[in-house]
Amino acid sequence: VNAIHFVSSTTGWAVGDQETIYKTTNSGVSWSQISIGSTFSNAYSDVFFTDSLNGWVCGGDNNNIKHTSDGGITWTTQLSVGSNLIYAIHFYDKNFGTAIIGSGGGMYYTNNGGNTWVQFSSSLSGYDIFLTDPAHGYIIGGGSVTTFTTTYPYVTSNIRILHTNLLDPNELRSIFFINEHSGWVAGSNSSILHLEGCNLGKPIVTQLG
C-alpha cells in the first residue's frame, strides 16, 4: 500500500501495486478491491477524495491521473504525463487541486476538478504536496519544504531542514498542514517534524520523533 485517504471515520480508500484500489466503509474492518479494468503492473502512488463520491488516483503505467465521481465505481483518465512518475496529488476542494512529479520535475494545477490540468512549473519536484488554499501550498522534497503559489514566480520561500544524527532531511516523504502557518512533515526512521510560523518569516522547526 502506497497511500491511504479517509473522508470520514468509516469511509476510505487505499492504493498500491499493480494499480490496485481498495475501499472500506467500516473504518478498515474489511476492504473491497475496486476494478478499473486495467491489467497494468505499476503502482498507484497516491489517492485523494474530497467527499464520498469525488476522488483521484495518480501513477500507474501511464503515469496518469484518474477521477471518479461515483465513489470509485467508474474512473476516467484526466491527465497522462508519460515516463515521469506523479508522486502525489492533493485537492483543496472538489475544484482546486495540484499534482507533483518526482524525478524530472513538474507541477500541475486544476481549478475545475481536473477537467483540465495546467503545468505551472516544469522544474519543481518533490514527494508530497499540500494546498492550504486554492492558490498556495507546500512541497516536501530534496531536504526542504518549499512554499509555492500557482501563479508566477511560483516559489515564495524555501525552508531548509537540517541534517542530524537521527534525521536525514532527504528522506522526508509526507506533509500535512492545518493552515498556511502550521504543519508537519514525516519520513524514514520515524522522523516527524512540526513547522510553526511558515509564511511569517523564519519558521520554528521542532523534531518530534
Protein backbone atom coordinates (compact mmCIF):
# COMPACT_ATOMS: atom_id res chain seq x y z
CA VAL A 1 0.00 0.00 0.00
CA ASN A 2 1.46 3.34 -1.05
CA ALA A 3 -1.25 5.74 0.13
CA ILE A 4 -4.47 5.84 2.10
CA HIS A 5 -7.15 8.51 2.46
CA PHE A 6 -10.33 8.74 4.53
CA VAL A 7 -13.18 11.22 4.06
CA SER A 8 -14.94 10.17 7.28
CA SER A 9 -14.38 7.89 10.24
CA THR A 10 -15.74 4.98 8.21
CA THR A 11 -15.08 5.55 4.50
CA GLY A 12 -11.63 5.43 2.96
CA TRP A 13 -9.52 4.25 0.03
CA ALA A 14 -6.05 2.75 -0.36
CA VAL A 15 -3.87 2.33 -3.46
CA GLY A 16 -0.80 0.26 -4.24
CA ASP A 17 0.96 -2.13 -6.62
CA GLN A 18 -0.49 -3.30 -9.93
CA GLU A 19 -2.83 -0.32 -9.99
CA THR A 20 -4.90 -1.72 -7.12
CA ILE A 21 -7.56 0.37 -5.38
CA TYR A 22 -9.30 -0.74 -2.19
CA LYS A 23 -12.27 0.79 -0.39
CA THR A 24 -13.62 0.43 3.13
CA THR A 25 -16.92 1.64 4.55
CA ASN A 26 -16.47 0.22 8.05
CA SER A 27 -13.34 2.00 9.32
CA GLY A 28 -10.99 -0.56 7.81
CA VAL A 29 -12.50 -3.69 9.34
CA SER A 30 -12.85 -5.01 5.79
CA TRP A 31 -11.71 -3.81 2.38
CA SER A 32 -13.08 -4.48 -1.11
CA GLN A 33 -10.96 -4.21 -4.24
CA ILE A 34 -12.20 -1.82 -6.91
CA SER A 35 -11.65 -2.90 -10.50
CA ILE A 36 -10.87 -0.20 -13.07
CA GLY A 37 -10.44 -2.60 -15.98
CA SER A 38 -6.65 -2.28 -16.06
CA THR A 39 -4.03 -5.00 -16.48
CA PHE A 40 -1.04 -2.74 -15.88
CA SER A 41 1.66 -3.73 -13.40
CA ASN A 42 2.90 -0.42 -12.00
CA ALA A 43 1.67 1.07 -8.75
CA TYR A 44 -0.62 3.93 -7.98
CA SER A 45 1.34 6.34 -5.81
CA ASP A 46 -1.39 8.45 -4.20
CA VAL A 47 -5.13 8.79 -3.67
CA PHE A 48 -7.28 11.74 -2.59
CA PHE A 49 -11.04 12.16 -2.12
CA THR A 50 -12.86 15.40 -1.34
CA ASP A 51 -16.09 13.61 -0.38
CA SER A 52 -17.61 10.13 -0.63
CA LEU A 53 -18.07 10.45 -4.41
CA ASN A 54 -15.27 12.59 -5.90
CA GLY A 55 -11.74 11.22 -5.86
CA TRP A 56 -8.47 10.94 -7.77
CA VAL A 57 -5.60 8.47 -8.04
CA CYS A 58 -2.23 9.08 -9.69
CA GLY A 59 0.62 6.96 -11.02
CA GLY A 60 0.30 3.65 -12.83
CA ASP A 61 1.94 2.51 -16.04
CA ASN A 62 0.98 5.63 -17.97
CA ASN A 63 1.71 7.97 -15.04
CA ASN A 64 -1.78 9.36 -15.20
CA ILE A 65 -4.43 10.97 -13.05
CA LYS A 66 -7.80 9.22 -12.91
CA HIS A 67 -11.02 10.64 -11.47
CA THR A 68 -14.21 9.13 -10.13
CA SER A 69 -17.45 10.95 -9.40
CA ASP A 70 -19.36 7.91 -8.11
CA GLY A 71 -17.22 6.72 -5.22
CA GLY A 72 -14.92 4.55 -7.32
CA ILE A 73 -17.40 2.60 -9.44
CA THR A 74 -16.17 4.17 -12.67
CA TRP A 75 -12.93 6.04 -13.45
CA THR A 76 -11.85 8.36 -16.27
CA THR A 77 -8.33 9.44 -17.18
CA GLN A 78 -7.81 13.19 -16.89
CA LEU A 79 -4.05 13.51 -17.49
CA SER A 80 -1.14 11.35 -18.70
CA VAL A 81 2.45 12.57 -18.41
CA GLY A 82 4.46 9.71 -19.91
CA SER A 83 7.60 8.42 -18.21
CA ASN A 84 7.75 10.80 -15.24
CA LEU A 85 6.07 9.42 -12.12
CA ILE A 86 3.36 11.53 -10.49
CA TYR A 87 4.22 11.14 -6.81
CA ALA A 88 1.37 12.97 -5.12
CA ILE A 89 -1.96 14.69 -5.61
CA HIS A 90 -3.89 16.99 -3.29
CA PHE A 91 -7.13 18.92 -3.55
CA TYR A 92 -8.27 21.90 -1.51
CA ASP A 93 -11.86 21.15 -2.52
CA LYS A 94 -13.53 19.35 -5.42
CA ASN A 95 -12.40 22.07 -7.85
CA PHE A 96 -8.89 23.19 -6.87
CA GLY A 97 -6.09 20.63 -6.91
CA THR A 98 -2.39 20.09 -7.60
CA ALA A 99 -0.15 17.20 -8.56
CA ILE A 100 3.63 16.89 -8.45
CA ILE A 101 6.12 14.78 -10.37
CA GLY A 102 9.17 13.26 -8.69
CA SER A 103 12.31 12.88 -10.81
CA GLY A 104 12.20 15.10 -13.88
CA GLY A 105 10.14 17.77 -12.21
CA GLY A 106 6.79 19.26 -12.97
CA MET A 107 3.73 20.59 -11.18
CA TYR A 108 0.17 20.64 -12.42
CA TYR A 109 -2.86 22.61 -11.29
CA THR A 110 -6.60 22.43 -11.89
CA ASN A 111 -9.43 24.77 -10.93
CA ASN A 112 -12.25 22.67 -12.38
CA GLY A 113 -11.96 19.30 -10.71
CA GLY A 114 -9.37 18.01 -13.15
CA ASN A 115 -11.33 18.55 -16.36
CA THR A 116 -8.24 20.47 -17.42
CA TRP A 117 -4.75 20.35 -15.89
CA VAL A 118 -2.18 23.11 -16.49
CA GLN A 119 1.55 22.64 -15.94
CA PHE A 120 2.61 25.73 -14.00
CA SER A 121 6.17 24.60 -13.24
CA SER A 122 8.50 22.30 -15.17
CA SER A 123 11.34 22.36 -12.62
CA LEU A 124 9.85 21.89 -9.14
CA SER A 125 9.69 18.30 -7.92
CA GLY A 126 9.00 16.52 -4.66
CA TYR A 127 7.48 13.60 -2.81
CA ASP A 128 4.33 15.21 -1.45
CA ILE A 129 2.24 18.33 -1.97
CA PHE A 130 -0.40 20.16 0.07
CA LEU A 131 -2.72 23.06 -0.77
CA THR A 132 -3.60 25.36 2.12
CA ASP A 133 -5.96 27.43 -0.08
CA PRO A 134 -6.79 27.44 -3.80
CA ALA A 135 -3.61 29.33 -4.73
CA HIS A 136 -0.95 28.46 -2.10
CA GLY A 137 0.69 25.32 -0.83
CA TYR A 138 3.78 23.37 0.24
CA ILE A 139 6.06 20.72 -1.28
CA ILE A 140 8.36 18.33 0.56
CA GLY A 141 11.44 17.03 -1.23
CA GLY A 142 15.18 17.44 -1.58
CA GLY A 143 15.65 18.09 2.11
CA SER A 144 13.44 21.16 2.25
CA VAL A 145 9.87 22.40 2.47
CA THR A 146 9.07 24.73 -0.40
CA THR A 147 6.16 27.15 -0.34
CA PHE A 148 4.57 27.86 -3.70
CA THR A 149 1.81 29.76 -5.45
CA THR A 150 0.00 28.61 -8.55
CA THR A 151 0.98 31.80 -10.37
CA TYR A 152 4.43 33.07 -11.42
CA PRO A 153 7.03 33.15 -9.84
CA TYR A 154 5.68 30.03 -8.08
CA VAL A 155 8.29 29.60 -5.32
CA THR A 156 7.85 32.05 -2.47
CA SER A 157 10.32 30.61 0.08
CA ASN A 158 12.39 27.55 0.85
CA ILE A 159 12.65 26.09 4.36
CA ARG A 160 15.83 24.02 4.58
CA ILE A 161 15.67 21.10 7.03
CA LEU A 162 18.98 20.48 8.86
CA HIS A 163 20.66 17.07 8.86
CA THR A 164 21.12 15.43 12.29
CA ASN A 165 22.26 12.03 13.57
CA LEU A 166 18.61 10.95 13.73
CA LEU A 167 17.27 12.76 10.69
CA ASP A 168 18.14 12.67 7.01
CA PRO A 169 16.07 15.50 5.50
CA ASN A 170 16.30 13.89 2.07
CA GLU A 171 14.18 11.01 3.40
CA LEU A 172 11.20 13.18 4.36
CA ARG A 173 8.24 11.96 2.33
CA SER A 174 4.90 13.25 3.65
CA ILE A 175 3.45 16.65 4.52
CA PHE A 176 0.26 17.90 6.19
CA PHE A 177 -0.83 21.41 7.19
CA ILE A 178 -3.78 22.59 9.28
CA ASN A 179 -3.43 26.15 7.96
CA GLU A 180 -0.93 28.25 6.00
CA HIS A 181 1.37 28.64 9.02
CA SER A 182 1.37 25.31 10.88
CA GLY A 183 2.10 21.79 9.66
CA TRP A 184 4.06 18.56 9.94
CA VAL A 185 6.41 16.54 7.75
CA ALA A 186 7.35 12.89 8.22
CA GLY A 187 9.82 10.40 6.80
CA SER A 188 12.12 7.47 7.48
CA ASN A 189 13.47 6.45 10.90
CA SER A 190 10.15 7.55 12.45
CA SER A 191 11.07 11.18 11.74
CA ILE A 192 8.32 13.73 12.41
CA LEU A 193 8.88 17.49 12.29
CA HIS A 194 6.50 20.26 13.33
CA LEU A 195 6.73 23.55 11.43
CA GLU A 196 5.27 26.65 13.04
CA GLY A 197 5.31 30.17 11.62
CA CYS A 198 5.59 29.32 7.93
CA ASN A 199 4.95 32.37 5.74
CA LEU A 200 5.64 34.53 8.80
CA GLY A 201 9.39 34.83 8.40
CA LYS A 202 11.77 32.12 9.61
CA PRO A 203 9.67 29.20 10.94
CA ILE A 204 10.32 27.19 14.07
CA VAL A 205 11.15 23.58 13.20
CA THR A 206 10.74 21.07 16.05
CA GLN A 207 11.70 17.41 15.74
CA LEU A 208 9.03 15.25 17.39
CA GLY A 209 10.31 11.81 16.54
